[in-house]
Amino acid sequence: MTKAQFDKLKPATRRMKMAEDIIKTLALAKTKRFQPMRGAYCLFNIEEADEGGFTGKGNTQLRDLLPKFEKHCEACAMGALLLSHVRLVNHLTVKEADNRFDGNYINIQDEKIIKVLGGSFSGNDLRVIEAAFEGRNTGYHHLPDEAEENCHRWLVLIPDATKRLRAIMKNIIKHGGEFDITDLPKKQVSRAAE
């Protein structure tokens, strides 16, 4: 899909396409995809991953790096949405993603993610999704009361980051492209407890 085709879609449809892509990606083996992780928006460890050498420069498309380096990426909910957006429309270079790129790490911060995803999500929507994933308000942002009340419950109900991210994406699809933090998932039972 081209960026122009993607941009013609309604924002809710774009959000659902990204959520579907993340669910599909999470179904891949861990050795072929990013690792959902609290505390990192979107961090590629190029130094660790550099088996054959990263010869690209700042103008390299981030999507071109995903087949080789995505398995060396840690991402939160916002980072996962950014990765999905890159997979779907491919219009972000390494330098655009991380203007401090030094050849070892690509570290994409929240302001950049909000800017890139701004046509599909509001900054507040992304912060509420992030709060549900992290289990807390991750910044000095005012969240709606229902988000403040429920963000920690998502973490308690689904302690596993991969399962929690999948549940958040299913929630977005279920609600027609909107994330409803008050529609809490069912408590996940670990295998050891069964």
C-alpha atoms as a PDB file:
ATOM      1  CA  MET A   1       0.000   0.000   0.000  1.00  0.00           C
ATOM      2  CA  THR A   2       1.349   3.430  -0.859  1.00  0.00           C
ATOM      3  CA  LYS A   3       1.308   6.328   1.569  1.00  0.00           C
ATOM      4  CA  ALA A   4      -1.197   8.114  -0.696  1.00  0.00           C
ATOM      5  CA  GLN A   5      -3.552   5.099  -0.611  1.00  0.00           C
ATOM      6  CA  PHE A   6      -3.153   4.808   3.159  1.00  0.00           C
ATOM      7  CA  ASP A   7      -3.798   8.528   3.658  1.00  0.00           C
ATOM      8  CA  LYS A   8      -7.082   8.253   1.691  1.00  0.00           C
ATOM      9  CA  LEU A   9      -8.445   5.784   4.257  1.00  0.00           C
ATOM     10  CA  LYS A  10     -10.521   7.098   7.136  1.00  0.00           C
ATOM     11  CA  PRO A  11      -8.438   7.477  10.328  1.00  0.00           C
ATOM     12  CA  ALA A  12     -10.440   4.712  12.072  1.00  0.00           C
ATOM     13  CA  THR A  13      -9.719   2.350   9.172  1.00  0.00           C
ATOM     14  CA  ARG A  14      -5.995   3.216   9.351  1.00  0.00           C
ATOM     15  CA  ARG A  15      -5.989   2.491  13.088  1.00  0.00           C
ATOM     16  CA  MET A  16      -7.659  -0.886  12.540  1.00  0.00           C
ATOM     17  CA  LYS A  17      -5.208  -1.790   9.738  1.00  0.00           C
ATOM     18  CA  MET A  18      -2.277  -1.033  12.050  1.00  0.00           C
ATOM     19  CA  ALA A  19      -3.874  -3.052  14.874  1.00  0.00           C
ATOM     20  CA  GLU A  20      -4.434  -6.009  12.513  1.00  0.00           C
ATOM     21  CA  ASP A  21      -0.831  -5.770  11.316  1.00  0.00           C
ATOM     22  CA  ILE A  22       0.481  -5.829  14.899  1.00  0.00           C
ATOM     23  CA  ILE A  23      -1.634  -8.876  15.770  1.00  0.00           C
ATOM     24  CA  LYS A  24      -0.313 -10.616  12.641  1.00  0.00           C
ATOM     25  CA  THR A  25       3.267  -9.651  13.511  1.00  0.00           C
ATOM     26  CA  LEU A  26       2.926 -10.878  17.106  1.00  0.00           C
ATOM     27  CA  ALA A  27       1.934 -14.291  15.736  1.00  0.00           C
ATOM     28  CA  LEU A  28       5.406 -14.642  14.184  1.00  0.00           C
ATOM     29  CA  ALA A  29       8.210 -16.406  16.019  1.00  0.00           C
ATOM     30  CA  LYS A  30      10.081 -14.168  18.468  1.00  0.00           C
ATOM     31  CA  THR A  31      13.183 -14.458  16.286  1.00  0.00           C
ATOM     32  CA  LYS A  32      11.408 -12.653  13.435  1.00  0.00           C
ATOM     33  CA  ARG A  33       9.695  -9.742  15.184  1.00  0.00           C
ATOM     34  CA  PHE A  34      10.120  -6.925  17.687  1.00  0.00           C
ATOM     35  CA  GLN A  35       9.855  -7.627  21.410  1.00  0.00           C
ATOM     36  CA  PRO A  36       7.056  -5.825  23.264  1.00  0.00           C
ATOM     37  CA  MET A  37       8.712  -4.134  26.208  1.00  0.00           C
ATOM     38  CA  ARG A  38       7.696  -1.598  28.817  1.00  0.00           C
ATOM     39  CA  GLY A  39       9.989   1.393  29.116  1.00  0.00           C
ATOM     40  CA  ALA A  40      11.242   1.703  25.526  1.00  0.00           C
ATOM     41  CA  TYR A  41       9.252   3.471  22.834  1.00  0.00           C
ATOM     42  CA  CYS A  42      11.093   1.940  19.897  1.00  0.00           C
ATOM     43  CA  LEU A  43      14.750   0.974  20.271  1.00  0.00           C
ATOM     44  CA  PHE A  44      16.753  -0.942  17.674  1.00  0.00           C
ATOM     45  CA  ASN A  45      20.064  -2.310  18.933  1.00  0.00           C
ATOM     46  CA  ILE A  46      21.959  -2.212  15.630  1.00  0.00           C
ATOM     47  CA  GLU A  47      25.284  -2.900  17.367  1.00  0.00           C
ATOM     48  CA  GLU A  48      23.958  -6.192  18.796  1.00  0.00           C
ATOM     49  CA  ALA A  49      22.230  -7.149  15.551  1.00  0.00           C
ATOM     50  CA  ASP A  50      24.973  -6.240  13.164  1.00  0.00           C
ATOM     51  CA  GLU A  51      25.911  -9.699  11.925  1.00  0.00           C
ATOM     52  CA  GLY A  52      26.485  -8.653   8.324  1.00  0.00           C
ATOM     53  CA  GLY A  53      27.073  -4.971   8.865  1.00  0.00           C
ATOM     54  CA  PHE A  54      24.757  -2.013   8.695  1.00  0.00           C
ATOM     55  CA  THR A  55      26.014  -0.111   5.716  1.00  0.00           C
ATOM     56  CA  GLY A  56      23.056   2.234   5.464  1.00  0.00           C
ATOM     57  CA  LYS A  57      23.123   5.887   6.277  1.00  0.00           C
ATOM     58  CA  GLY A  58      20.535   8.171   7.757  1.00  0.00           C
ATOM     59  CA  ASN A  59      18.618   8.259   4.464  1.00  0.00           C
ATOM     60  CA  THR A  60      17.984   4.477   4.548  1.00  0.00           C
ATOM     61  CA  GLN A  61      14.281   3.652   4.759  1.00  0.00           C
ATOM     62  CA  LEU A  62      13.492   2.178   8.158  1.00  0.00           C
ATOM     63  CA  ARG A  63      11.289  -0.457   6.501  1.00  0.00           C
ATOM     64  CA  ASP A  64      14.311  -1.784   4.604  1.00  0.00           C
ATOM     65  CA  LEU A  65      15.958  -2.579   7.949  1.00  0.00           C
ATOM     66  CA  LEU A  66      13.024  -4.473   9.460  1.00  0.00           C
ATOM     67  CA  PRO A  67      13.724  -7.925   7.953  1.00  0.00           C
ATOM     68  CA  LYS A  68      17.216  -7.958   9.447  1.00  0.00           C
ATOM     69  CA  PHE A  69      16.927  -5.798  12.546  1.00  0.00           C
ATOM     70  CA  GLU A  70      13.327  -5.978  13.810  1.00  0.00           C
ATOM     71  CA  LYS A  71      14.143  -8.965  16.019  1.00  0.00           C
ATOM     72  CA  HIS A  72      16.643  -6.688  17.786  1.00  0.00           C
ATOM     73  CA  CYS A  73      13.995  -4.059  18.502  1.00  0.00           C
ATOM     74  CA  GLU A  74      12.175  -3.425  21.756  1.00  0.00           C
ATOM     75  CA  ALA A  75       8.934  -1.483  21.447  1.00  0.00           C
ATOM     76  CA  CYS A  76       6.025  -0.372  23.571  1.00  0.00           C
ATOM     77  CA  ALA A  77       2.483   0.046  22.228  1.00  0.00           C
ATOM     78  CA  MET A  78       3.286   3.365  20.520  1.00  0.00           C
ATOM     79  CA  GLY A  79       6.478   1.893  19.086  1.00  0.00           C
ATOM     80  CA  ALA A  80       4.575  -1.128  17.789  1.00  0.00           C
ATOM     81  CA  LEU A  81       2.102   1.205  16.059  1.00  0.00           C
ATOM     82  CA  LEU A  82       5.009   3.098  14.485  1.00  0.00           C
ATOM     83  CA  LEU A  83       6.579  -0.153  13.246  1.00  0.00           C
ATOM     84  CA  SER A  84       3.248  -1.178  11.762  1.00  0.00           C
ATOM     85  CA  HIS A  85       2.873   2.199  10.062  1.00  0.00           C
ATOM     86  CA  VAL A  86       6.372   1.804   8.585  1.00  0.00           C
ATOM     87  CA  ARG A  87       5.571  -1.732   7.382  1.00  0.00           C
ATOM     88  CA  LEU A  88       2.329  -0.549   5.785  1.00  0.00           C
ATOM     89  CA  VAL A  89       3.413   2.708   4.098  1.00  0.00           C
ATOM     90  CA  ASN A  90       7.245   2.923   4.180  1.00  0.00           C
ATOM     91  CA  HIS A  91       7.934   6.620   4.344  1.00  0.00           C
ATOM     92  CA  LEU A  92      10.332   7.076   7.258  1.00  0.00           C
ATOM     93  CA  THR A  93      14.104   7.196   6.999  1.00  0.00           C
ATOM     94  CA  VAL A  94      16.479   6.342   9.836  1.00  0.00           C
ATOM     95  CA  LYS A  95      17.466  10.026  10.147  1.00  0.00           C
ATOM     96  CA  GLU A  96      13.812  11.126  10.249  1.00  0.00           C
ATOM     97  CA  ALA A  97      13.098   8.525  12.927  1.00  0.00           C
ATOM     98  CA  ASP A  98      16.135   9.323  15.077  1.00  0.00           C
ATOM     99  CA  ASN A  99      18.062  12.518  14.402  1.00  0.00           C
ATOM    100  CA  ARG A 100      20.747  11.377  16.873  1.00  0.00           C
ATOM    101  CA  PHE A 101      21.442   8.138  14.977  1.00  0.00           C
ATOM    102  CA  ASP A 102      25.050   7.115  15.637  1.00  0.00           C
ATOM    103  CA  GLY A 103      25.218   3.785  13.805  1.00  0.00           C
ATOM    104  CA  ASN A 104      24.700   1.652  16.923  1.00  0.00           C
ATOM    105  CA  TYR A 105      21.162   2.408  18.043  1.00  0.00           C
ATOM    106  CA  ILE A 106      18.010   3.750  16.468  1.00  0.00           C
ATOM    107  CA  ASN A 107      16.062   5.217  19.363  1.00  0.00           C
ATOM    108  CA  ILE A 108      12.676   6.609  18.331  1.00  0.00           C
ATOM    109  CA  GLN A 109      11.064   8.790  20.996  1.00  0.00           C
ATOM    110  CA  ASP A 110       7.423   9.573  21.751  1.00  0.00           C
ATOM    111  CA  GLU A 111       7.374  13.031  20.119  1.00  0.00           C
ATOM    112  CA  LYS A 112       8.480  11.546  16.790  1.00  0.00           C
ATOM    113  CA  ILE A 113       5.977   8.688  17.039  1.00  0.00           C
ATOM    114  CA  ILE A 114       3.133  11.119  17.771  1.00  0.00           C
ATOM    115  CA  LYS A 115       4.179  13.250  14.786  1.00  0.00           C
ATOM    116  CA  VAL A 116       4.358  10.288  12.374  1.00  0.00           C
ATOM    117  CA  LEU A 117       1.079   8.746  13.561  1.00  0.00           C
ATOM    118  CA  GLY A 118      -0.691  12.113  13.878  1.00  0.00           C
ATOM    119  CA  GLY A 119      -2.867  11.577  10.823  1.00  0.00           C
ATOM    120  CA  SER A 120      -4.298   8.410  12.353  1.00  0.00           C
ATOM    121  CA  PHE A 121      -4.184   8.975  16.123  1.00  0.00           C
ATOM    122  CA  SER A 122      -4.369  12.048  18.304  1.00  0.00           C
ATOM    123  CA  GLY A 123      -1.540  12.501  20.776  1.00  0.00           C
ATOM    124  CA  ASN A 124      -4.004  11.894  23.612  1.00  0.00           C
ATOM    125  CA  ASP A 125      -5.246   8.652  22.011  1.00  0.00           C
ATOM    126  CA  LEU A 126      -1.659   7.410  21.783  1.00  0.00           C
ATOM    127  CA  ARG A 127      -0.946   8.360  25.398  1.00  0.00           C
ATOM    128  CA  VAL A 128      -4.030   6.439  26.614  1.00  0.00           C
ATOM    129  CA  ILE A 129      -2.975   3.361  24.595  1.00  0.00           C
ATOM    130  CA  GLU A 130       0.528   3.722  26.007  1.00  0.00           C
ATOM    131  CA  ALA A 131      -0.795   4.068  29.578  1.00  0.00           C
ATOM    132  CA  ALA A 132      -2.734   0.806  29.200  1.00  0.00           C
ATOM    133  CA  PHE A 133       0.374  -0.955  27.874  1.00  0.00           C
ATOM    134  CA  GLU A 134       2.756   0.480  30.485  1.00  0.00           C
ATOM    135  CA  GLY A 135       0.234   0.180  33.326  1.00  0.00           C
ATOM    136  CA  ARG A 136       0.725   3.816  34.277  1.00  0.00           C
ATOM    137  CA  ASN A 137       0.722   7.341  32.956  1.00  0.00           C
ATOM    138  CA  THR A 138       4.121   7.488  31.266  1.00  0.00           C
ATOM    139  CA  GLY A 139       4.617  11.222  31.322  1.00  0.00           C
ATOM    140  CA  TYR A 140       3.422  14.484  32.662  1.00  0.00           C
ATOM    141  CA  HIS A 141       0.334  14.375  30.479  1.00  0.00           C
ATOM    142  CA  HIS A 142      -3.182  14.825  31.704  1.00  0.00           C
ATOM    143  CA  LEU A 143      -5.133  11.694  30.880  1.00  0.00           C
ATOM    144  CA  PRO A 144      -8.902  11.402  31.035  1.00  0.00           C
ATOM    145  CA  ASP A 145     -10.115  10.180  34.438  1.00  0.00           C
ATOM    146  CA  GLU A 146     -11.132   6.770  33.042  1.00  0.00           C
ATOM    147  CA  ALA A 147      -7.607   6.272  31.679  1.00  0.00           C
ATOM    148  CA  GLU A 148      -5.966   7.199  34.974  1.00  0.00           C
ATOM    149  CA  GLU A 149      -8.303   4.804  36.791  1.00  0.00           C
ATOM    150  CA  ASN A 150      -7.883   1.866  34.413  1.00  0.00           C
ATOM    151  CA  CYS A 151      -4.321   1.945  33.041  1.00  0.00           C
ATOM    152  CA  HIS A 152      -2.833  -0.087  35.908  1.00  0.00           C
ATOM    153  CA  ARG A 153      -5.655  -2.630  35.670  1.00  0.00           C
ATOM    154  CA  TRP A 154      -4.494  -3.614  32.155  1.00  0.00           C
ATOM    155  CA  LEU A 155      -1.058  -4.503  33.548  1.00  0.00           C
ATOM    156  CA  VAL A 156      -2.526  -6.456  36.467  1.00  0.00           C
ATOM    157  CA  LEU A 157      -4.994  -8.353  34.280  1.00  0.00           C
ATOM    158  CA  ILE A 158      -2.419  -9.188  31.586  1.00  0.00           C
ATOM    159  CA  PRO A 159       1.135  -9.147  33.013  1.00  0.00           C
ATOM    160  CA  ASP A 160       2.684 -10.548  29.805  1.00  0.00           C
ATOM    161  CA  ALA A 161       3.644  -7.639  27.497  1.00  0.00           C
ATOM    162  CA  THR A 162       2.971  -9.533  24.247  1.00  0.00           C
ATOM    163  CA  LYS A 163      -0.482 -10.671  25.355  1.00  0.00           C
ATOM    164  CA  ARG A 164      -1.308  -7.199  26.689  1.00  0.00           C
ATOM    165  CA  LEU A 165      -0.294  -5.558  23.400  1.00  0.00           C
ATOM    166  CA  ARG A 166      -2.394  -8.086  21.468  1.00  0.00           C
ATOM    167  CA  ALA A 167      -5.401  -7.371  23.745  1.00  0.00           C
ATOM    168  CA  ILE A 168      -5.014  -3.613  23.216  1.00  0.00           C
ATOM    169  CA  MET A 169      -4.966  -4.089  19.430  1.00  0.00           C
ATOM    170  CA  LYS A 170      -8.037  -6.359  19.597  1.00  0.00           C
ATOM    171  CA  ASN A 171      -9.773  -3.651  21.635  1.00  0.00           C
ATOM    172  CA  ILE A 172      -9.034  -1.084  18.899  1.00  0.00           C
ATOM    173  CA  ILE A 173     -10.517  -3.394  16.251  1.00  0.00           C
ATOM    174  CA  LYS A 174     -13.523  -4.281  18.425  1.00  0.00           C
ATOM    175  CA  HIS A 175     -14.357  -0.597  18.885  1.00  0.00           C
ATOM    176  CA  GLY A 176     -14.091   0.387  15.217  1.00  0.00           C
ATOM    177  CA  GLY A 177     -10.657   1.974  15.443  1.00  0.00           C
ATOM    178  CA  GLU A 178     -11.044   3.538  18.884  1.00  0.00           C
ATOM    179  CA  PHE A 179      -9.309   2.292  22.021  1.00  0.00           C
ATOM    180  CA  ASP A 180     -11.680   1.947  24.981  1.00  0.00           C
ATOM    181  CA  ILE A 181      -9.525   1.693  28.093  1.00  0.00           C
ATOM    182  CA  THR A 182     -12.636   0.993  30.182  1.00  0.00           C
ATOM    183  CA  ASP A 183     -13.345  -2.218  28.212  1.00  0.00           C
ATOM    184  CA  LEU A 184     -10.996  -4.241  30.376  1.00  0.00           C
ATOM    185  CA  PRO A 185      -9.706  -7.622  29.215  1.00  0.00           C
ATOM    186  CA  LYS A 186     -10.339 -10.792  31.103  1.00  0.00           C
ATOM    187  CA  LYS A 187      -7.627 -11.752  33.581  1.00  0.00           C
ATOM    188  CA  GLN A 188      -4.992 -13.938  31.942  1.00  0.00           C
ATOM    189  CA  VAL A 189      -4.137 -17.131  33.780  1.00  0.00           C
ATOM    190  CA  SER A 190      -0.533 -18.209  33.508  1.00  0.00           C
ATOM    191  CA  ARG A 191       0.255 -21.798  32.482  1.00  0.00           C
ATOM    192  CA  ALA A 192       1.910 -22.426  35.841  1.00  0.00           C
ATOM    193  CA  ALA A 193      -1.307 -21.492  37.667  1.00  0.00           C
ATOM    194  CA  GLU A 194      -3.492 -23.855  35.594  1.00  0.00           C
END
